[in-house]
Amino acid sequence: MYTYVSSFTGECLMAGQKLPEQESLNALGVFHEGLAVVQVQGEWFHILQSGEPAYPERYERAEYFQNGAAWVKVKGGGWKRIDKHGKEIKNE
């Protein structure tokens, strides 16, 4: 059994769940809107409460979700907003 604890707050996030990349987990944030930010081998992405990745993309940095969107920094590029499925949200 695995328990993940946020390095930011010390709050227990998941008990009995295992991330596929658990051995190389560098950072784990708290859940916001059902998703948490993780860093694995220097790459950032979001996970579901089941521990599975929410989308396949990996980023240079990722922020938590707020109002259905999160900011992510594209590798070698700028920042963009994504939805919970990893799709870019264009400015209107």
C-alpha atoms as a PDB file:
ATOM      1  CA  MET A   1       0.000   0.000   0.000  1.00  0.00           C
ATOM      2  CA  TYR A   2       1.227   3.512  -0.866  1.00  0.00           C
ATOM      3  CA  THR A   3       0.350   6.830   0.681  1.00  0.00           C
ATOM      4  CA  TYR A   4       1.274  10.119  -0.966  1.00  0.00           C
ATOM      5  CA  VAL A   5       1.728  13.196   1.147  1.00  0.00           C
ATOM      6  CA  SER A   6       1.899  16.706  -0.244  1.00  0.00           C
ATOM      7  CA  SER A   7       5.340  18.243   0.128  1.00  0.00           C
ATOM      8  CA  PHE A   8       3.574  21.617   0.326  1.00  0.00           C
ATOM      9  CA  THR A   9       1.070  21.031   3.150  1.00  0.00           C
ATOM     10  CA  GLY A  10       1.797  17.587   4.613  1.00  0.00           C
ATOM     11  CA  GLU A  11      -1.803  16.597   3.801  1.00  0.00           C
ATOM     12  CA  CYS A  12      -2.439  12.931   2.955  1.00  0.00           C
ATOM     13  CA  LEU A  13      -3.622  12.847  -0.658  1.00  0.00           C
ATOM     14  CA  MET A  14      -4.017   9.205  -1.650  1.00  0.00           C
ATOM     15  CA  ALA A  15      -3.880   6.019   0.343  1.00  0.00           C
ATOM     16  CA  GLY A  16      -3.649   2.674  -1.406  1.00  0.00           C
ATOM     17  CA  GLN A  17      -2.956   4.212  -4.813  1.00  0.00           C
ATOM     18  CA  LYS A  18       0.214   3.799  -6.828  1.00  0.00           C
ATOM     19  CA  LEU A  19       1.397   6.066  -9.609  1.00  0.00           C
ATOM     20  CA  PRO A  20       2.888   4.192 -12.567  1.00  0.00           C
ATOM     21  CA  GLU A  21       6.059   6.295 -12.236  1.00  0.00           C
ATOM     22  CA  GLN A  22       6.052   6.130  -8.409  1.00  0.00           C
ATOM     23  CA  GLU A  23       9.756   5.328  -8.137  1.00  0.00           C
ATOM     24  CA  SER A  24      10.747   8.573  -9.885  1.00  0.00           C
ATOM     25  CA  LEU A  25       8.167  10.919  -8.331  1.00  0.00           C
ATOM     26  CA  ASN A  26       9.847  14.269  -7.548  1.00  0.00           C
ATOM     27  CA  ALA A  27       6.900  16.389  -6.402  1.00  0.00           C
ATOM     28  CA  LEU A  28       3.193  16.002  -5.710  1.00  0.00           C
ATOM     29  CA  GLY A  29       0.770  18.875  -5.167  1.00  0.00           C
ATOM     30  CA  VAL A  30      -2.637  18.921  -3.551  1.00  0.00           C
ATOM     31  CA  PHE A  31      -5.805  18.121  -5.493  1.00  0.00           C
ATOM     32  CA  HIS A  32      -7.708  21.050  -6.979  1.00  0.00           C
ATOM     33  CA  GLU A  33     -10.899  20.327  -8.899  1.00  0.00           C
ATOM     34  CA  GLY A  34     -10.120  16.594  -8.883  1.00  0.00           C
ATOM     35  CA  LEU A  35      -6.572  16.840 -10.286  1.00  0.00           C
ATOM     36  CA  ALA A  36      -3.139  17.159  -8.664  1.00  0.00           C
ATOM     37  CA  VAL A  37       0.124  18.429 -10.143  1.00  0.00           C
ATOM     38  CA  VAL A  38       3.047  15.980 -10.144  1.00  0.00           C
ATOM     39  CA  GLN A  39       6.653  16.113 -11.266  1.00  0.00           C
ATOM     40  CA  VAL A  40       8.239  12.910 -12.534  1.00  0.00           C
ATOM     41  CA  GLN A  41      11.831  12.918 -13.811  1.00  0.00           C
ATOM     42  CA  GLY A  42      11.698  16.704 -14.218  1.00  0.00           C
ATOM     43  CA  GLU A  43       8.461  16.691 -16.235  1.00  0.00           C
ATOM     44  CA  TRP A  44       5.183  18.112 -14.921  1.00  0.00           C
ATOM     45  CA  PHE A  45       1.616  16.936 -15.532  1.00  0.00           C
ATOM     46  CA  HIS A  46      -1.679  16.364 -13.709  1.00  0.00           C
ATOM     47  CA  ILE A  47      -3.058  13.151 -12.253  1.00  0.00           C
ATOM     48  CA  LEU A  48      -6.569  11.984 -11.460  1.00  0.00           C
ATOM     49  CA  GLN A  49      -7.506  10.860  -7.956  1.00  0.00           C
ATOM     50  CA  SER A  50      -6.970   7.271  -9.153  1.00  0.00           C
ATOM     51  CA  GLY A  51      -3.284   8.149  -9.692  1.00  0.00           C
ATOM     52  CA  GLU A  52      -3.512   7.869 -13.481  1.00  0.00           C
ATOM     53  CA  PRO A  53      -2.271  10.735 -15.679  1.00  0.00           C
ATOM     54  CA  ALA A  54      -5.099  13.032 -16.831  1.00  0.00           C
ATOM     55  CA  TYR A  55      -3.526  13.432 -20.309  1.00  0.00           C
ATOM     56  CA  PRO A  56      -0.400  12.199 -22.163  1.00  0.00           C
ATOM     57  CA  GLU A  57       1.498  15.514 -22.501  1.00  0.00           C
ATOM     58  CA  ARG A  58       4.390  16.487 -20.217  1.00  0.00           C
ATOM     59  CA  TYR A  59       5.421  20.057 -19.452  1.00  0.00           C
ATOM     60  CA  GLU A  60       8.340  22.089 -18.123  1.00  0.00           C
ATOM     61  CA  ARG A  61       6.024  23.332 -15.347  1.00  0.00           C
ATOM     62  CA  ALA A  62       2.337  22.976 -14.433  1.00  0.00           C
ATOM     63  CA  GLU A  63       0.108  24.875 -12.002  1.00  0.00           C
ATOM     64  CA  TYR A  64      -3.018  23.683 -10.199  1.00  0.00           C
ATOM     65  CA  PHE A  65      -6.516  23.829 -11.703  1.00  0.00           C
ATOM     66  CA  GLN A  66      -8.786  26.742 -10.957  1.00  0.00           C
ATOM     67  CA  ASN A  67     -12.154  27.390 -12.625  1.00  0.00           C
ATOM     68  CA  GLY A  68     -11.609  24.429 -14.970  1.00  0.00           C
ATOM     69  CA  ALA A  69      -8.221  25.554 -16.306  1.00  0.00           C
ATOM     70  CA  ALA A  70      -4.528  25.296 -15.416  1.00  0.00           C
ATOM     71  CA  TRP A  71      -1.439  27.102 -16.680  1.00  0.00           C
ATOM     72  CA  VAL A  72       1.352  24.924 -18.089  1.00  0.00           C
ATOM     73  CA  LYS A  73       4.767  25.872 -19.485  1.00  0.00           C
ATOM     74  CA  VAL A  74       5.552  24.178 -22.766  1.00  0.00           C
ATOM     75  CA  LYS A  75       9.080  22.757 -22.997  1.00  0.00           C
ATOM     76  CA  GLY A  76      11.269  25.381 -24.666  1.00  0.00           C
ATOM     77  CA  GLY A  77       8.271  27.674 -25.083  1.00  0.00           C
ATOM     78  CA  GLY A  78       5.787  29.860 -23.326  1.00  0.00           C
ATOM     79  CA  TRP A  79       2.817  29.355 -21.055  1.00  0.00           C
ATOM     80  CA  LYS A  80      -0.642  28.234 -22.125  1.00  0.00           C
ATOM     81  CA  ARG A  81      -3.903  27.309 -20.398  1.00  0.00           C
ATOM     82  CA  ILE A  82      -5.306  23.786 -20.650  1.00  0.00           C
ATOM     83  CA  ASP A  83      -8.556  22.096 -19.650  1.00  0.00           C
ATOM     84  CA  LYS A  84      -8.798  18.927 -17.563  1.00  0.00           C
ATOM     85  CA  HIS A  85      -8.224  16.787 -20.672  1.00  0.00           C
ATOM     86  CA  GLY A  86      -5.020  18.611 -21.613  1.00  0.00           C
ATOM     87  CA  LYS A  87      -6.566  20.554 -24.502  1.00  0.00           C
ATOM     88  CA  GLU A  88      -5.418  24.149 -24.959  1.00  0.00           C
ATOM     89  CA  ILE A  89      -7.915  26.858 -24.035  1.00  0.00           C
ATOM     90  CA  LYS A  90      -7.676  29.696 -26.538  1.00  0.00           C
ATOM     91  CA  ASN A  91      -8.262  33.283 -25.448  1.00  0.00           C
ATOM     92  CA  GLU A  92     -11.575  34.616 -26.653  1.00  0.00           C
END
